Amino acid sequence: MRMLSCLSLALRDMWTLSFLRDVLREFLGTAFFLLIALSSTTIWPAVNTQNSISHNAELYTSSSPSDLNSLQAPPACPTDPLMVALAFGAALLVVCVCMGEVQLNPAVTLALGLGLRLSPWRAAMFVGAQLLGALAASATLMGMVPATLRGHMGLNEVAPGVLLYQAVSVETAVTFQLVLCVLAVSRPSSAASQSLGPLVLGISVMLGHLTAIGYTGCGMNPARSFGPAMVIQNFNNHWVYWVGPCAGAMLAWLLHDVLLWPRWSSAGDWTTEFRQLLLTVPDKQPDPEHTAGLEQDT
């Protein structure tokens, strides 16, 4: 009976306009964030090489229109880590301001779920919306960018010489600091929760990229890694970008909610609150408006 009661409450919550609006915000927010941010990983060079310029000029003056199909595309330039870091941080800040209190990152949703700030069904639906948003952004970007400039389309890859356990450690560390920032600005007593929250999170994402981009390309957000991997169909070492961020999110939750600002005196208290959450009517569940905006994946 209790299981049926929980299922009934979950279905009632899922069919409310408020819940559907929150899911839509997660989908659109993740799609906008990653479309803007991943665009920075594909560089359009400003100047062609001299040979390419000469060749293209000859083809433009050719009398045969079919020759125009042979125009050489400009050579791809190496991605600038600083530009990518600024793009991801600024994109997150803008989307958080425009979309409101969104998460955009399955690792962040995991931490909020463990902290009982979200019901399990809300967390599951939010993660699904985030993954779909990442897929939509990556597919859109794939259609926008010429084939010769697509490269790896923002695909996260472990750098040569970096061992897998080192890659997992880096992803854990950068996600840890991001989720800790999310939990910190989501505290009701936090001075940054109202005005500085998006800025703090944008800086956190920027720092994460500056730290990890040379090791793993900086995932820090399983949705961000999933989108390009699905579009390109390259899942080599993809598990790194799930295990690392999820581990970092759980460690940040333990540090914030259990050690620094304890919300429960024992594991039994957490279990009791979890059971109450499952049996609480939807309009009395923890308000997602108290959660901080994010990435992230990030």
Protein backbone atom coordinates (compact mmCIF):
# COMPACT_ATOMS: atom_id res chain seq x y z
CA MET A 1 0.00 0.00 0.00
CA ARG A 2 2.80 2.40 0.83
CA MET A 3 4.41 1.77 -2.56
CA LEU A 4 1.12 2.47 -4.31
CA SER A 5 0.68 5.63 -2.27
CA CYS A 6 4.17 6.86 -3.29
CA LEU A 7 3.46 6.06 -6.93
CA SER A 8 0.16 7.89 -6.78
CA LEU A 9 1.79 10.97 -5.28
CA ALA A 10 4.55 10.88 -7.90
CA LEU A 11 2.05 10.69 -10.77
CA ARG A 12 -0.02 13.51 -9.28
CA ASP A 13 3.09 15.67 -9.01
CA MET A 14 4.25 14.86 -12.55
CA TRP A 15 0.98 15.98 -14.07
CA THR A 16 0.96 19.39 -12.42
CA LEU A 17 1.67 22.43 -14.55
CA SER A 18 4.43 23.49 -12.14
CA PHE A 19 6.28 20.20 -12.53
CA LEU A 20 5.99 20.18 -16.33
CA ARG A 21 7.23 23.77 -16.42
CA ASP A 22 10.26 22.84 -14.29
CA VAL A 23 11.10 19.92 -16.59
CA LEU A 24 10.79 22.18 -19.64
CA ARG A 25 13.12 24.71 -18.04
CA GLU A 26 15.72 22.01 -17.44
CA PHE A 27 15.48 20.89 -21.07
CA LEU A 28 15.60 24.37 -22.60
CA GLY A 29 18.21 25.65 -20.15
CA THR A 30 20.56 22.74 -20.81
CA ALA A 31 20.06 23.04 -24.58
CA PHE A 32 20.74 26.80 -24.62
CA PHE A 33 23.69 26.51 -22.25
CA LEU A 34 25.44 23.76 -24.19
CA LEU A 35 24.65 25.18 -27.61
CA ILE A 36 26.40 28.40 -26.65
CA ALA A 37 29.21 26.77 -24.69
CA LEU A 38 30.04 23.94 -27.11
CA SER A 39 30.19 26.43 -29.98
CA SER A 40 33.39 27.77 -28.42
CA THR A 41 35.11 24.42 -29.02
CA THR A 42 34.80 24.83 -32.81
CA ILE A 43 37.07 27.66 -33.96
CA TRP A 44 36.51 29.52 -37.20
CA PRO A 45 39.93 30.84 -38.31
CA ALA A 46 39.93 34.47 -39.40
CA VAL A 47 42.49 34.12 -42.18
CA ASN A 48 43.10 31.33 -44.68
CA THR A 49 46.52 30.16 -45.67
CA GLN A 50 47.96 31.87 -48.75
CA ASN A 51 47.55 28.75 -50.88
CA SER A 52 43.92 28.38 -49.89
CA ILE A 53 43.21 32.03 -50.70
CA SER A 54 44.78 31.75 -54.15
CA HIS A 55 42.99 28.52 -54.90
CA ASN A 56 39.61 29.88 -53.83
CA ALA A 57 40.11 33.06 -55.89
CA GLU A 58 40.74 30.99 -59.00
CA LEU A 59 37.61 28.92 -58.39
CA TYR A 60 35.48 32.02 -57.87
CA THR A 61 36.53 33.31 -61.29
CA SER A 62 35.93 29.93 -62.90
CA SER A 63 33.21 29.74 -65.49
CA SER A 64 31.94 26.41 -64.21
CA PRO A 65 29.57 26.69 -61.21
CA SER A 66 30.29 23.09 -60.29
CA ASP A 67 33.86 24.05 -59.44
CA LEU A 68 32.57 26.16 -56.56
CA ASN A 69 31.84 22.94 -54.69
CA SER A 70 35.58 22.37 -54.49
CA LEU A 71 36.25 25.46 -52.40
CA GLN A 72 38.73 24.65 -49.69
CA ALA A 73 37.45 25.16 -46.19
CA PRO A 74 39.67 27.19 -43.88
CA PRO A 75 41.96 25.11 -41.71
CA ALA A 76 40.78 24.40 -38.20
CA CYS A 77 42.60 26.18 -35.41
CA PRO A 78 43.46 24.68 -32.03
CA THR A 79 40.94 25.45 -29.32
CA ASP A 80 41.92 28.18 -26.88
CA PRO A 81 41.37 26.84 -23.32
CA LEU A 82 40.84 30.33 -21.92
CA MET A 83 38.17 31.12 -24.52
CA VAL A 84 36.38 27.83 -23.83
CA ALA A 85 36.48 28.42 -20.06
CA LEU A 86 35.08 31.95 -20.45
CA ALA A 87 32.38 30.73 -22.83
CA PHE A 88 31.19 27.98 -20.48
CA GLY A 89 31.20 30.25 -17.44
CA ALA A 90 29.47 33.15 -19.17
CA ALA A 91 26.92 30.85 -20.84
CA LEU A 92 25.97 29.36 -17.49
CA LEU A 93 25.61 32.78 -15.91
CA VAL A 94 23.37 34.04 -18.72
CA VAL A 95 21.17 30.94 -18.77
CA CYS A 96 20.74 30.98 -14.97
CA VAL A 97 19.63 34.62 -15.13
CA CYS A 98 17.24 33.99 -18.02
CA MET A 99 15.81 30.62 -16.95
CA GLY A 100 15.77 31.12 -13.20
CA GLU A 101 16.64 28.40 -10.73
CA VAL A 102 17.77 25.53 -12.94
CA GLN A 103 20.41 22.84 -12.45
CA LEU A 104 21.47 21.76 -15.99
CA ASN A 105 23.75 19.08 -14.59
CA PRO A 106 22.91 15.49 -13.50
CA ALA A 107 25.70 15.61 -10.90
CA VAL A 108 24.12 18.68 -9.29
CA THR A 109 20.70 17.02 -9.40
CA LEU A 110 22.20 13.96 -7.69
CA ALA A 111 23.56 16.09 -4.85
CA LEU A 112 20.25 17.92 -4.43
CA GLY A 113 18.43 14.60 -4.42
CA LEU A 114 20.73 13.17 -1.76
CA GLY A 115 20.19 16.34 0.25
CA LEU A 116 16.41 15.75 0.02
CA ARG A 117 15.92 19.07 -1.72
CA LEU A 118 14.27 17.19 -4.58
CA SER A 119 11.95 14.20 -4.63
CA PRO A 120 13.36 11.10 -6.37
CA TRP A 121 10.92 11.35 -9.27
CA ARG A 122 11.70 15.01 -9.81
CA ALA A 123 15.42 14.23 -9.83
CA ALA A 124 14.94 11.41 -12.36
CA MET A 125 12.82 13.53 -14.68
CA PHE A 126 15.23 16.46 -14.44
CA VAL A 127 18.18 14.23 -15.40
CA GLY A 128 16.23 12.91 -18.37
CA ALA A 129 15.40 16.46 -19.49
CA GLN A 130 19.04 17.50 -19.11
CA LEU A 131 20.28 14.59 -21.25
CA LEU A 132 17.70 15.34 -23.94
CA GLY A 133 18.67 19.02 -23.87
CA ALA A 134 22.35 18.12 -24.29
CA LEU A 135 21.49 15.85 -27.21
CA ALA A 136 19.39 18.55 -28.87
CA ALA A 137 22.18 21.13 -28.48
CA SER A 138 24.85 18.80 -29.89
CA ALA A 139 22.68 17.73 -32.83
CA THR A 140 21.85 21.37 -33.63
CA LEU A 141 25.51 22.36 -33.49
CA MET A 142 26.43 19.41 -35.71
CA GLY A 143 24.01 20.71 -38.34
CA MET A 144 25.27 24.30 -38.06
CA VAL A 145 29.00 23.65 -38.40
CA PRO A 146 30.59 22.73 -41.75
CA ALA A 147 31.91 19.17 -41.89
CA THR A 148 35.52 20.33 -42.26
CA LEU A 149 35.31 22.31 -39.02
CA ARG A 150 33.44 19.85 -36.84
CA GLY A 151 36.52 18.14 -35.46
CA HIS A 152 35.50 16.46 -32.24
CA MET A 153 32.55 18.81 -31.64
CA GLY A 154 33.30 19.33 -27.98
CA LEU A 155 33.82 15.63 -27.30
CA ASN A 156 35.47 15.03 -23.94
CA GLU A 157 38.59 12.92 -24.32
CA VAL A 158 41.26 11.87 -21.86
CA ALA A 159 44.53 13.53 -22.89
CA PRO A 160 47.43 11.33 -23.99
CA GLY A 161 49.59 10.32 -21.04
CA VAL A 162 46.79 10.83 -18.50
CA LEU A 163 45.89 7.57 -16.76
CA LEU A 164 42.22 6.76 -16.28
CA TYR A 165 42.37 6.96 -12.49
CA GLN A 166 43.97 10.39 -12.84
CA ALA A 167 41.20 11.47 -15.21
CA VAL A 168 38.55 10.29 -12.74
CA SER A 169 40.33 12.15 -9.94
CA VAL A 170 40.41 15.39 -11.94
CA GLU A 171 36.73 15.12 -12.84
CA THR A 172 35.88 14.36 -9.21
CA ALA A 173 37.83 17.40 -7.98
CA VAL A 174 36.37 19.97 -10.38
CA THR A 175 32.82 18.69 -9.92
CA PHE A 176 33.31 18.68 -6.15
CA GLN A 177 34.07 22.40 -6.09
CA LEU A 178 31.18 23.17 -8.45
CA VAL A 179 28.58 21.24 -6.45
CA LEU A 180 29.91 22.69 -3.21
CA CYS A 181 29.30 26.16 -4.66
CA VAL A 182 25.76 25.15 -5.68
CA LEU A 183 24.97 23.88 -2.18
CA ALA A 184 26.54 26.95 -0.59
CA VAL A 185 24.55 29.49 -2.60
CA SER A 186 21.36 27.45 -2.15
CA ARG A 187 21.42 27.85 1.64
CA PRO A 188 18.60 30.18 2.73
CA SER A 189 21.04 32.08 4.94
CA SER A 190 23.58 32.52 2.15
CA ALA A 191 24.10 36.15 1.16
CA ALA A 192 25.01 35.06 -2.36
CA SER A 193 21.86 33.05 -2.96
CA GLN A 194 19.80 35.93 -4.34
CA SER A 195 22.11 38.28 -6.22
CA LEU A 196 25.50 36.62 -6.66
CA GLY A 197 24.48 32.99 -7.17
CA PRO A 198 24.75 32.89 -10.99
CA LEU A 199 28.02 34.81 -10.90
CA VAL A 200 29.55 32.47 -8.32
CA LEU A 201 28.51 29.42 -10.34
CA GLY A 202 29.81 30.92 -13.57
CA ILE A 203 33.20 31.53 -11.96
CA SER A 204 33.18 28.00 -10.56
CA VAL A 205 32.60 26.51 -14.02
CA MET A 206 35.33 28.76 -15.43
CA LEU A 207 37.82 27.61 -12.80
CA GLY A 208 36.92 23.98 -13.42
CA HIS A 209 37.67 24.33 -17.12
CA LEU A 210 40.93 26.16 -16.55
CA THR A 211 41.99 23.33 -14.24
CA ALA A 212 40.80 20.23 -16.08
CA ILE A 213 40.64 21.07 -19.77
CA GLY A 214 44.22 19.92 -20.36
CA TYR A 215 43.58 16.56 -18.66
CA THR A 216 40.08 15.48 -19.69
CA GLY A 217 38.62 18.33 -21.72
CA CYS A 218 36.67 19.11 -18.53
CA GLY A 219 33.37 17.27 -18.37
CA MET A 220 32.17 18.31 -14.91
CA ASN A 221 28.66 17.64 -16.22
CA PRO A 222 27.57 14.18 -17.47
CA ALA A 223 25.00 15.79 -19.79
CA ARG A 224 27.67 17.97 -21.36
CA SER A 225 29.77 14.84 -22.07
CA PHE A 226 26.80 12.74 -23.18
CA GLY A 227 25.54 15.05 -25.95
CA PRO A 228 28.67 15.16 -28.14
CA ALA A 229 29.46 11.49 -27.46
CA MET A 230 26.00 10.45 -28.65
CA VAL A 231 26.07 12.64 -31.77
CA ILE A 232 29.58 11.55 -32.78
CA GLN A 233 29.01 7.98 -31.56
CA ASN A 234 32.27 7.91 -29.65
CA PHE A 235 31.95 6.53 -26.11
CA ASN A 236 35.62 5.79 -25.54
CA ASN A 237 36.27 6.13 -21.77
CA HIS A 238 32.86 7.80 -21.46
CA TRP A 239 32.36 6.23 -18.05
CA VAL A 240 35.03 8.60 -16.69
CA TYR A 241 32.65 11.52 -17.22
CA TRP A 242 29.93 9.86 -15.18
CA VAL A 243 31.90 8.26 -12.37
CA GLY A 244 34.07 11.31 -11.67
CA PRO A 245 31.30 13.94 -11.54
CA CYS A 246 28.92 11.70 -9.56
CA ALA A 247 31.65 10.91 -7.03
CA GLY A 248 32.49 14.61 -6.72
CA ALA A 249 28.82 15.48 -6.21
CA MET A 250 28.40 12.90 -3.44
CA LEU A 251 31.57 14.07 -1.67
CA ALA A 252 30.41 17.70 -1.85
CA TRP A 253 27.02 16.73 -0.41
CA LEU A 254 28.67 14.83 2.45
CA LEU A 255 30.98 17.74 3.25
CA HIS A 256 28.29 20.42 3.09
CA ASP A 257 25.18 18.75 4.49
CA VAL A 258 26.80 16.29 6.91
CA LEU A 259 30.03 17.90 8.16
CA LEU A 260 30.04 21.68 7.65
CA TRP A 261 26.31 22.47 8.02
CA PRO A 262 24.82 19.23 9.39
CA ARG A 263 21.13 18.83 8.71
CA TRP A 264 20.74 15.42 10.37
CA SER A 265 22.19 14.11 13.61
CA SER A 266 22.27 10.51 12.39
CA ALA A 267 21.63 8.32 9.36
CA GLY A 268 18.28 7.44 10.91
CA ASP A 269 17.19 11.08 10.73
CA TRP A 270 18.03 11.19 7.02
CA THR A 271 16.04 8.00 6.46
CA THR A 272 13.07 9.38 8.36
CA GLU A 273 13.07 12.61 6.36
CA PHE A 274 13.40 10.61 3.13
CA ARG A 275 10.33 8.56 4.02
CA GLN A 276 8.41 11.71 4.86
CA LEU A 277 9.43 13.18 1.51
CA LEU A 278 8.04 10.16 -0.32
CA LEU A 279 4.72 10.39 1.51
CA THR A 280 4.33 14.17 1.35
CA VAL A 281 1.77 15.68 -0.98
CA PRO A 282 3.43 17.45 -3.93
CA ASP A 283 2.67 21.00 -2.86
CA LYS A 284 4.48 20.44 0.43
CA GLN A 285 7.67 18.99 -1.02
CA PRO A 286 10.92 20.96 -0.85
CA ASP A 287 10.59 23.95 -3.13
CA PRO A 288 12.99 23.73 -6.09
CA GLU A 289 13.15 27.53 -6.08
CA HIS A 290 15.51 27.21 -3.11
CA THR A 291 18.06 25.33 -5.22
CA ALA A 292 20.81 27.18 -6.98
CA GLY A 293 20.99 27.47 -10.71
CA LEU A 294 23.16 25.03 -12.66
CA GLU A 295 25.66 23.36 -14.64
CA GLN A 296 26.33 21.87 -14.90
CA ASP A 297 27.36 20.19 -16.46
CA THR A 298 27.78 22.35 -15.76
